[in-house]
Amino acid sequence: AVAQRTGLDAGMIQQMLPILVPLVLNFLQTGTTSQ
């Protein structure tokens, strides 16, 4: 899906995923409350 939308090489995308997924999750963690 990423290759189709971006034109990036599948191997490059495979290498980027371990960075992209934690970034998305980090963005979502901003709303975590301690209470």
Full PDB file with SEQRES, HELIX, SHEET, SSBOND, CRYST1, ORIGX, SCALE, CONECT and MASTER records, all heavy atoms in Angstrom:
SEQRES   1 A   35  ALA VAL ALA GLN ARG THR GLY LEU ASP ALA GLY MET ILE          
SEQRES   2 A   35  GLN GLN MET LEU PRO ILE LEU VAL PRO LEU VAL LEU ASN          
SEQRES   3 A   35  PHE LEU GLN THR GLY THR THR SER GLN                          
HELIX    1 AA1 VAL A    2  THR A    6  1                                   5    
HELIX    2 AA2 ALA A   10  GLN A   29  1                                  20    
CRYST1    1.000    1.000    1.000  90.00  90.00  90.00 P 1           1          
ORIGX1      1.000000  0.000000  0.000000        0.00000                         
ORIGX2      0.000000  1.000000  0.000000        0.00000                         
ORIGX3      0.000000  0.000000  1.000000        0.00000                         
SCALE1      1.000000  0.000000  0.000000        0.00000                         
SCALE2      0.000000  1.000000  0.000000        0.00000                         
SCALE3      0.000000  0.000000  1.000000        0.00000                         
ATOM      1  N   ALA A   1       0.835  -1.213   0.000  1.00  0.00           N  
ATOM      2  CA  ALA A   1       0.000   0.000   0.000  1.00  0.00           C  
ATOM      3  C   ALA A   1       0.864   1.255   0.000  1.00  0.00           C  
ATOM      4  O   ALA A   1       0.589   2.216  -0.735  1.00  0.00           O  
ATOM      5  CB  ALA A   1      -0.938  -0.006   1.206  1.00  0.00           C  
ATOM      6  N   VAL A   2       1.924   1.260   0.802  1.00  0.00           N  
ATOM      7  CA  VAL A   2       2.820   2.419   0.845  1.00  0.00           C  
ATOM      8  C   VAL A   2       3.534   2.575  -0.497  1.00  0.00           C  
ATOM      9  O   VAL A   2       3.646   3.689  -1.020  1.00  0.00           O  
ATOM     10  CB  VAL A   2       3.845   2.309   2.007  1.00  0.00           C  
ATOM     11  CG1 VAL A   2       4.885   3.416   1.932  1.00  0.00           C  
ATOM     12  CG2 VAL A   2       3.134   2.334   3.360  1.00  0.00           C  
ATOM     13  N   ALA A   3       3.995   1.472  -1.070  1.00  0.00           N  
ATOM     14  CA  ALA A   3       4.690   1.528  -2.359  1.00  0.00           C  
ATOM     15  C   ALA A   3       3.772   2.086  -3.447  1.00  0.00           C  
ATOM     16  O   ALA A   3       4.202   2.921  -4.260  1.00  0.00           O  
ATOM     17  CB  ALA A   3       5.196   0.137  -2.746  1.00  0.00           C  
ATOM     18  N   GLN A   4       2.521   1.659  -3.449  1.00  0.00           N  
ATOM     19  CA  GLN A   4       1.577   2.148  -4.459  1.00  0.00           C  
ATOM     20  C   GLN A   4       1.328   3.644  -4.312  1.00  0.00           C  
ATOM     21  O   GLN A   4       1.222   4.361  -5.300  1.00  0.00           O  
ATOM     22  CB  GLN A   4       0.253   1.388  -4.377  1.00  0.00           C  
ATOM     23  CG  GLN A   4       0.337  -0.017  -4.895  1.00  0.00           C  
ATOM     24  CD  GLN A   4      -0.959  -0.791  -4.677  1.00  0.00           C  
ATOM     25  OE1 GLN A   4      -1.820  -0.394  -3.910  1.00  0.00           O  
ATOM     26  NE2 GLN A   4      -1.075  -1.924  -5.376  1.00  0.00           N  
ATOM     27  N   ARG A   5       1.211   4.123  -3.084  1.00  0.00           N  
ATOM     28  CA  ARG A   5       0.896   5.539  -2.856  1.00  0.00           C  
ATOM     29  C   ARG A   5       2.103   6.460  -3.004  1.00  0.00           C  
ATOM     30  O   ARG A   5       1.948   7.629  -3.343  1.00  0.00           O  
ATOM     31  CB  ARG A   5       0.316   5.746  -1.451  1.00  0.00           C  
ATOM     32  CG  ARG A   5      -1.081   5.231  -1.258  1.00  0.00           C  
ATOM     33  CD  ARG A   5      -2.179   6.213  -1.662  1.00  0.00           C  
ATOM     34  NE  ARG A   5      -2.095   7.553  -1.159  1.00  0.00           N  
ATOM     35  CZ  ARG A   5      -2.538   7.986   0.009  1.00  0.00           C  
ATOM     36  NH1 ARG A   5      -3.102   7.142   0.846  1.00  0.00           N  
ATOM     37  NH2 ARG A   5      -2.412   9.255   0.345  1.00  0.00           N  
ATOM     38  N   THR A   6       3.310   5.936  -2.722  1.00  0.00           N  
ATOM     39  CA  THR A   6       4.492   6.811  -2.684  1.00  0.00           C  
ATOM     40  C   THR A   6       5.477   6.579  -3.810  1.00  0.00           C  
ATOM     41  O   THR A   6       6.291   7.453  -4.094  1.00  0.00           O  
ATOM     42  CB  THR A   6       5.259   6.623  -1.364  1.00  0.00           C  
ATOM     43  OG1 THR A   6       5.762   5.277  -1.305  1.00  0.00           O  
ATOM     44  CG2 THR A   6       4.396   6.931  -0.154  1.00  0.00           C  
ATOM     45  N   GLY A   7       5.465   5.394  -4.394  1.00  0.00           N  
ATOM     46  CA  GLY A   7       6.473   5.061  -5.393  1.00  0.00           C  
ATOM     47  C   GLY A   7       7.798   4.634  -4.778  1.00  0.00           C  
ATOM     48  O   GLY A   7       8.759   4.369  -5.498  1.00  0.00           O  
ATOM     49  N   LEU A   8       7.859   4.565  -3.443  1.00  0.00           N  
ATOM     50  CA  LEU A   8       9.088   4.117  -2.779  1.00  0.00           C  
ATOM     51  C   LEU A   8       9.290   2.625  -3.009  1.00  0.00           C  
ATOM     52  O   LEU A   8       8.335   1.863  -3.167  1.00  0.00           O  
ATOM     53  CB  LEU A   8       9.013   4.392  -1.273  1.00  0.00           C  
ATOM     54  CG  LEU A   8       9.016   5.853  -0.828  1.00  0.00           C  
ATOM     55  CD1 LEU A   8       8.769   5.945   0.680  1.00  0.00           C  
ATOM     56  CD2 LEU A   8      10.318   6.537  -1.201  1.00  0.00           C  
ATOM     57  N   ASP A   9      10.539   2.209  -2.997  1.00  0.00           N  
ATOM     58  CA  ASP A   9      10.923   0.818  -3.142  1.00  0.00           C  
ATOM     59  C   ASP A   9      10.433   0.006  -1.941  1.00  0.00           C  
ATOM     60  O   ASP A   9      10.539   0.462  -0.791  1.00  0.00           O  
ATOM     61  CB  ASP A   9      12.454   0.740  -3.249  1.00  0.00           C  
ATOM     62  CG  ASP A   9      12.960  -0.671  -3.278  1.00  0.00           C  
ATOM     63  OD1 ASP A   9      12.749  -1.356  -4.291  1.00  0.00           O  
ATOM     64  OD2 ASP A   9      13.559  -1.091  -2.256  1.00  0.00           O  
ATOM     65  N   ALA A  10       9.911  -1.184  -2.203  1.00  0.00           N  
ATOM     66  CA  ALA A  10       9.368  -2.037  -1.140  1.00  0.00           C  
ATOM     67  C   ALA A  10      10.419  -2.355  -0.077  1.00  0.00           C  
ATOM     68  O   ALA A  10      10.109  -2.389   1.122  1.00  0.00           O  
ATOM     69  CB  ALA A  10       8.804  -3.325  -1.720  1.00  0.00           C  
ATOM     70  N   GLY A  11      11.656  -2.575  -0.473  1.00  0.00           N  
ATOM     71  CA  GLY A  11      12.724  -2.846   0.488  1.00  0.00           C  
ATOM     72  C   GLY A  11      12.967  -1.661   1.410  1.00  0.00           C  
ATOM     73  O   GLY A  11      13.194  -1.827   2.613  1.00  0.00           O  
ATOM     74  N   MET A  12      12.915  -0.467   0.842  1.00  0.00           N  
ATOM     75  CA  MET A  12      13.094   0.747   1.645  1.00  0.00           C  
ATOM     76  C   MET A  12      11.944   0.894   2.641  1.00  0.00           C  
ATOM     77  O   MET A  12      12.161   1.215   3.813  1.00  0.00           O  
ATOM     78  CB  MET A  12      13.160   1.983   0.742  1.00  0.00           C  
ATOM     79  CG  MET A  12      13.392   3.273   1.496  1.00  0.00           C  
ATOM     80  SD  MET A  12      13.320   4.746   0.439  1.00  0.00           S  
ATOM     81  CE  MET A  12      14.650   4.446  -0.710  1.00  0.00           C  
ATOM     82  N   ILE A  13      10.744   0.620   2.185  1.00  0.00           N  
ATOM     83  CA  ILE A  13       9.572   0.723   3.064  1.00  0.00           C  
ATOM     84  C   ILE A  13       9.691  -0.275   4.206  1.00  0.00           C  
ATOM     85  O   ILE A  13       9.415   0.049   5.363  1.00  0.00           O  
ATOM     86  CB  ILE A  13       8.275   0.500   2.267  1.00  0.00           C  
ATOM     87  CG1 ILE A  13       8.115   1.592   1.216  1.00  0.00           C  
ATOM     88  CG2 ILE A  13       7.063   0.449   3.207  1.00  0.00           C  
ATOM     89  CD1 ILE A  13       7.099   1.288   0.143  1.00  0.00           C  
ATOM     90  N   GLN A  14      10.124  -1.485   3.877  1.00  0.00           N  
ATOM     91  CA  GLN A  14      10.307  -2.527   4.895  1.00  0.00           C  
ATOM     92  C   GLN A  14      11.290  -2.043   5.964  1.00  0.00           C  
ATOM     93  O   GLN A  14      11.086  -2.295   7.153  1.00  0.00           O  
ATOM     94  CB  GLN A  14      10.839  -3.803   4.222  1.00  0.00           C  
ATOM     95  CG  GLN A  14      10.804  -5.022   5.094  1.00  0.00           C  
ATOM     96  CD  GLN A  14       9.473  -5.738   5.027  1.00  0.00           C  
ATOM     97  OE1 GLN A  14       8.785  -5.693   4.023  1.00  0.00           O  
ATOM     98  NE2 GLN A  14       9.120  -6.406   6.083  1.00  0.00           N  
ATOM     99  N   GLN A  15      12.337  -1.328   5.553  1.00  0.00           N  
ATOM    100  CA  GLN A  15      13.314  -0.790   6.505  1.00  0.00           C  
ATOM    101  C   GLN A  15      12.744   0.376   7.310  1.00  0.00           C  
ATOM    102  O   GLN A  15      13.144   0.588   8.458  1.00  0.00           O  
ATOM    103  CB  GLN A  15      14.571  -0.328   5.771  1.00  0.00           C  
ATOM    104  CG  GLN A  15      15.371  -1.439   5.159  1.00  0.00           C  
ATOM    105  CD  GLN A  15      16.530  -0.906   4.319  1.00  0.00           C  
ATOM    106  OE1 GLN A  15      16.771   0.287   4.252  1.00  0.00           O  
ATOM    107  NE2 GLN A  15      17.240  -1.821   3.672  1.00  0.00           N  
ATOM    108  N   MET A  16      11.828   1.127   6.728  1.00  0.00           N  
ATOM    109  CA  MET A  16      11.245   2.289   7.404  1.00  0.00           C  
ATOM    110  C   MET A  16      10.161   1.909   8.416  1.00  0.00           C  
ATOM    111  O   MET A  16       9.935   2.646   9.380  1.00  0.00           O  
ATOM    112  CB  MET A  16      10.641   3.247   6.365  1.00  0.00           C  
ATOM    113  CG  MET A  16      11.663   3.906   5.465  1.00  0.00           C  
ATOM    114  SD  MET A  16      10.882   4.810   4.095  1.00  0.00           S  
ATOM    115  CE  MET A  16      10.541   6.371   4.898  1.00  0.00           C  
ATOM    116  N   LEU A  17       9.485   0.796   8.213  1.00  0.00           N  
ATOM    117  CA  LEU A  17       8.368   0.417   9.084  1.00  0.00           C  
ATOM    118  C   LEU A  17       8.722   0.378  10.573  1.00  0.00           C  
ATOM    119  O   LEU A  17       7.933   0.857  11.394  1.00  0.00           O  
ATOM    120  CB  LEU A  17       7.769  -0.925   8.659  1.00  0.00           C  
ATOM    121  CG  LEU A  17       6.769  -0.893   7.516  1.00  0.00           C  
ATOM    122  CD1 LEU A  17       6.275  -2.302   7.211  1.00  0.00           C  
ATOM    123  CD2 LEU A  17       5.607   0.030   7.805  1.00  0.00           C  
ATOM    124  N   PRO A  18       9.898  -0.164  10.961  1.00  0.00           N  
ATOM    125  CA  PRO A  18      10.208  -0.179  12.393  1.00  0.00           C  
ATOM    126  C   PRO A  18      10.402   1.221  12.994  1.00  0.00           C  
ATOM    127  O   PRO A  18      10.493   1.352  14.211  1.00  0.00           O  
ATOM    128  CB  PRO A  18      11.517  -0.982  12.469  1.00  0.00           C  
ATOM    129  CG  PRO A  18      11.522  -1.812  11.237  1.00  0.00           C  
ATOM    130  CD  PRO A  18      10.842  -0.980  10.186  1.00  0.00           C  
ATOM    131  N   ILE A  19      10.455   2.229  12.159  1.00  0.00           N  
ATOM    132  CA  ILE A  19      10.517   3.603  12.653  1.00  0.00           C  
ATOM    133  C   ILE A  19       9.131   4.242  12.566  1.00  0.00           C  
ATOM    134  O   ILE A  19       8.690   4.924  13.497  1.00  0.00           O  
ATOM    135  CB  ILE A  19      11.538   4.432  11.840  1.00  0.00           C  
ATOM    136  CG1 ILE A  19      12.927   3.795  11.938  1.00  0.00           C  
ATOM    137  CG2 ILE A  19      11.574   5.880  12.333  1.00  0.00           C  
ATOM    138  CD1 ILE A  19      13.924   4.317  10.934  1.00  0.00           C  
ATOM    139  N   LEU A  20       8.429   4.007  11.467  1.00  0.00           N  
ATOM    140  CA  LEU A  20       7.124   4.636  11.255  1.00  0.00           C  
ATOM    141  C   LEU A  20       6.081   4.163  12.266  1.00  0.00           C  
ATOM    142  O   LEU A  20       5.311   4.979  12.792  1.00  0.00           O  
ATOM    143  CB  LEU A  20       6.630   4.375   9.828  1.00  0.00           C  
ATOM    144  CG  LEU A  20       7.425   5.059   8.708  1.00  0.00           C  
ATOM    145  CD1 LEU A  20       6.946   4.578   7.344  1.00  0.00           C  
ATOM    146  CD2 LEU A  20       7.324   6.571   8.817  1.00  0.00           C  
ATOM    147  N   VAL A  21       6.031   2.878  12.550  1.00  0.00           N  
ATOM    148  CA  VAL A  21       5.016   2.354  13.472  1.00  0.00           C  
ATOM    149  C   VAL A  21       5.196   2.944  14.876  1.00  0.00           C  
ATOM    150  O   VAL A  21       4.225   3.468  15.451  1.00  0.00           O  
ATOM    151  CB  VAL A  21       5.000   0.810  13.482  1.00  0.00           C  
ATOM    152  CG1 VAL A  21       4.118   0.268  14.609  1.00  0.00           C  
ATOM    153  CG2 VAL A  21       4.528   0.273  12.133  1.00  0.00           C  
ATOM    154  N   PRO A  22       6.401   2.924  15.464  1.00  0.00           N  
ATOM    155  CA  PRO A  22       6.547   3.551  16.790  1.00  0.00           C  
ATOM    156  C   PRO A  22       6.238   5.054  16.786  1.00  0.00           C  
ATOM    157  O   PRO A  22       5.740   5.580  17.782  1.00  0.00           O  
ATOM    158  CB  PRO A  22       8.013   3.300  17.149  1.00  0.00           C  
ATOM    159  CG  PRO A  22       8.399   2.102  16.363  1.00  0.00           C  
ATOM    160  CD  PRO A  22       7.619   2.198  15.088  1.00  0.00           C  
ATOM    161  N   LEU A  23       6.504   5.740  15.660  1.00  0.00           N  
ATOM    162  CA  LEU A  23       6.175   7.162  15.583  1.00  0.00           C  
ATOM    163  C   LEU A  23       4.670   7.384  15.664  1.00  0.00           C  
ATOM    164  O   LEU A  23       4.197   8.279  16.370  1.00  0.00           O  
ATOM    165  CB  LEU A  23       6.714   7.779  14.293  1.00  0.00           C  
ATOM    166  CG  LEU A  23       8.198   8.068  14.241  1.00  0.00           C  
ATOM    167  CD1 LEU A  23       8.586   8.590  12.859  1.00  0.00           C  
ATOM    168  CD2 LEU A  23       8.608   9.052  15.312  1.00  0.00           C  
ATOM    169  N   VAL A  24       3.910   6.590  14.918  1.00  0.00           N  
ATOM    170  CA  VAL A  24       2.447   6.695  14.981  1.00  0.00           C  
ATOM    171  C   VAL A  24       1.983   6.434  16.411  1.00  0.00           C  
ATOM    172  O   VAL A  24       1.177   7.187  16.964  1.00  0.00           O  
ATOM    173  CB  VAL A  24       1.771   5.718  13.988  1.00  0.00           C  
ATOM    174  CG1 VAL A  24       0.263   5.663  14.224  1.00  0.00           C  
ATOM    175  CG2 VAL A  24       2.075   6.108  12.551  1.00  0.00           C  
ATOM    176  N   LEU A  25       2.513   5.389  17.034  1.00  0.00           N  
ATOM    177  CA  LEU A  25       2.117   5.050  18.402  1.00  0.00           C  
ATOM    178  C   LEU A  25       2.537   6.147  19.386  1.00  0.00           C  
ATOM    179  O   LEU A  25       1.800   6.453  20.334  1.00  0.00           O  
ATOM    180  CB  LEU A  25       2.705   3.698  18.806  1.00  0.00           C  
ATOM    181  CG  LEU A  25       2.237   2.507  17.973  1.00  0.00           C  
ATOM    182  CD1 LEU A  25       2.972   1.241  18.397  1.00  0.00           C  
ATOM    183  CD2 LEU A  25       0.734   2.324  18.035  1.00  0.00           C  
ATOM    184  N   ASN A  26       3.695   6.743  19.164  1.00  0.00           N  
ATOM    185  CA  ASN A  26       4.161   7.831  20.026  1.00  0.00           C  
ATOM    186  C   ASN A  26       3.219   9.020  19.935  1.00  0.00           C  
ATOM    187  O   ASN A  26       2.902   9.668  20.935  1.00  0.00           O  
ATOM    188  CB  ASN A  26       5.585   8.227  19.635  1.00  0.00           C  
ATOM    189  CG  ASN A  26       6.271   9.079  20.684  1.00  0.00           C  
ATOM    190  OD1 ASN A  26       5.732   9.382  21.726  1.00  0.00           O  
ATOM    191  ND2 ASN A  26       7.492   9.473  20.385  1.00  0.00           N  
ATOM    192  N   PHE A  27       2.779   9.308  18.728  1.00  0.00           N  
ATOM    193  CA  PHE A  27       1.829  10.394  18.518  1.00  0.00           C  
ATOM    194  C   PHE A  27       0.543  10.116  19.295  1.00  0.00           C  
ATOM    195  O   PHE A  27      -0.027  11.013  19.920  1.00  0.00           O  
ATOM    196  CB  PHE A  27       1.553  10.508  17.013  1.00  0.00           C  
ATOM    197  CG  PHE A  27       1.135  11.862  16.563  1.00  0.00           C  
ATOM    198  CD1 PHE A  27       1.987  12.950  16.672  1.00  0.00           C  
ATOM    199  CD2 PHE A  27      -0.116  12.062  16.019  1.00  0.00           C  
ATOM    200  CE1 PHE A  27       1.603  14.207  16.239  1.00  0.00           C  
ATOM    201  CE2 PHE A  27      -0.512  13.312  15.578  1.00  0.00           C  
ATOM    202  CZ  PHE A  27       0.356  14.387  15.692  1.00  0.00           C  
ATOM    203  N   LEU A  28       0.093   8.874  19.287  1.00  0.00           N  
ATOM    204  CA  LEU A  28      -1.132   8.490  19.992  1.00  0.00           C  
ATOM    205  C   LEU A  28      -0.957   8.524  21.505  1.00  0.00           C  
ATOM    206  O   LEU A  28      -1.917   8.759  22.242  1.00  0.00           O  
ATOM    207  CB  LEU A  28      -1.577   7.095  19.557  1.00  0.00           C  
ATOM    208  CG  LEU A  28      -1.907   6.938  18.086  1.00  0.00           C  
ATOM    209  CD1 LEU A  28      -2.220   5.494  17.765  1.00  0.00           C  
ATOM    210  CD2 LEU A  28      -3.043   7.860  17.679  1.00  0.00           C  
ATOM    211  N   GLN A  29       0.263   8.314  21.957  1.00  0.00           N  
ATOM    212  CA  GLN A  29       0.520   8.285  23.394  1.00  0.00           C  
ATOM    213  C   GLN A  29       0.394   9.670  24.033  1.00  0.00           C  
ATOM    214  O   GLN A  29       0.249   9.772  25.247  1.00  0.00           O  
ATOM    215  CB  GLN A  29       1.900   7.699  23.674  1.00  0.00           C  
ATOM    216  CG  GLN A  29       2.099   7.355  25.131  1.00  0.00           C  
ATOM    217  CD  GLN A  29       3.432   6.712  25.384  1.00  0.00           C  
ATOM    218  OE1 GLN A  29       4.423   7.054  24.750  1.00  0.00           O  
ATOM    219  NE2 GLN A  29       3.472   5.786  26.313  1.00  0.00           N  
ATOM    220  N   THR A  30       0.385  10.723  23.227  1.00  0.00           N  
ATOM    221  CA  THR A  30       0.287  12.075  23.793  1.00  0.00           C  
ATOM    222  C   THR A  30      -0.944  12.241  24.672  1.00  0.00           C  
ATOM    223  O   THR A  30      -0.936  13.035  25.604  1.00  0.00           O  
ATOM    224  CB  THR A  30       0.259  13.156  22.689  1.00  0.00           C  
ATOM    225  OG1 THR A  30      -0.875  12.948  21.841  1.00  0.00           O  
ATOM    226  CG2 THR A  30       1.545  13.167  21.871  1.00  0.00           C  
ATOM    227  N   GLY A  31      -2.002  11.509  24.390  1.00  0.00           N  
ATOM    228  CA  GLY A  31      -3.238  11.654  25.153  1.00  0.00           C  
ATOM    229  C   GLY A  31      -3.344  10.784  26.382  1.00  0.00           C  
ATOM    230  O   GLY A  31      -4.325  10.855  27.121  1.00  0.00           O  
ATOM    231  N   THR A  32      -2.331   9.959  26.645  1.00  0.00           N  
ATOM    232  CA  THR A  32      -2.373   9.062  27.801  1.00  0.00           C  
ATOM    233  C   THR A  32      -2.401   9.874  29.092  1.00  0.00           C  
ATOM    234  O   THR A  32      -1.642  10.821  29.259  1.00  0.00           O  
ATOM    235  CB  THR A  32      -1.143   8.129  27.793  1.00  0.00           C  
ATOM    236  OG1 THR A  32      -1.131   7.390  26.578  1.00  0.00           O  
ATOM    237  CG2 THR A  32      -1.169   7.168  28.966  1.00  0.00           C  
ATOM    238  N   THR A  33      -3.302   9.477  29.967  1.00  0.00           N  
ATOM    239  CA  THR A  33      -3.395  10.136  31.266  1.00  0.00           C  
ATOM    240  C   THR A  33      -2.839   9.216  32.336  1.00  0.00           C  
ATOM    241  O   THR A  33      -2.852   8.002  32.200  1.00  0.00           O  
ATOM    242  CB  THR A  33      -4.852  10.479  31.618  1.00  0.00           C  
ATOM    243  OG1 THR A  33      -5.595   9.275  31.699  1.00  0.00           O  
ATOM    244  CG2 THR A  33      -5.471  11.410  30.603  1.00  0.00           C  
ATOM    245  N   SER A  34      -2.361   9.817  33.398  1.00  0.00           N  
ATOM    246  CA  SER A  34      -1.860   9.014  34.510  1.00  0.00           C  
ATOM    247  C   SER A  34      -2.979   8.672  35.490  1.00  0.00           C  
ATOM    248  O   SER A  34      -2.855   7.747  36.261  1.00  0.00           O  
ATOM    249  CB  SER A  34      -0.728   9.759  35.232  1.00  0.00           C  
ATOM    250  OG  SER A  34      -1.173  11.042  35.620  1.00  0.00           O  
ATOM    251  N   GLN A  35      -4.089   9.422  35.436  1.00  0.00           N  
ATOM    252  CA  GLN A  35      -5.156   9.247  36.407  1.00  0.00           C  
ATOM    253  C   GLN A  35      -6.127   8.121  36.059  1.00  0.00           C  
ATOM    254  O   GLN A  35      -6.416   7.277  36.879  1.00  0.00           O  
ATOM    255  CB  GLN A  35      -5.978  10.541  36.552  1.00  0.00           C  
ATOM    256  CG  GLN A  35      -5.443  11.483  37.598  1.00  0.00           C  
ATOM    257  CD  GLN A  35      -4.160  12.156  37.168  1.00  0.00           C  
ATOM    258  OE1 GLN A  35      -3.889  12.289  35.996  1.00  0.00           O  
ATOM    259  NE2 GLN A  35      -3.353  12.558  38.119  1.00  0.00           N  
TER     260      GLN A  35                                                      
MASTER        0    0    0    2    0    0    0    6  259    1    0    3          
END                                                                             
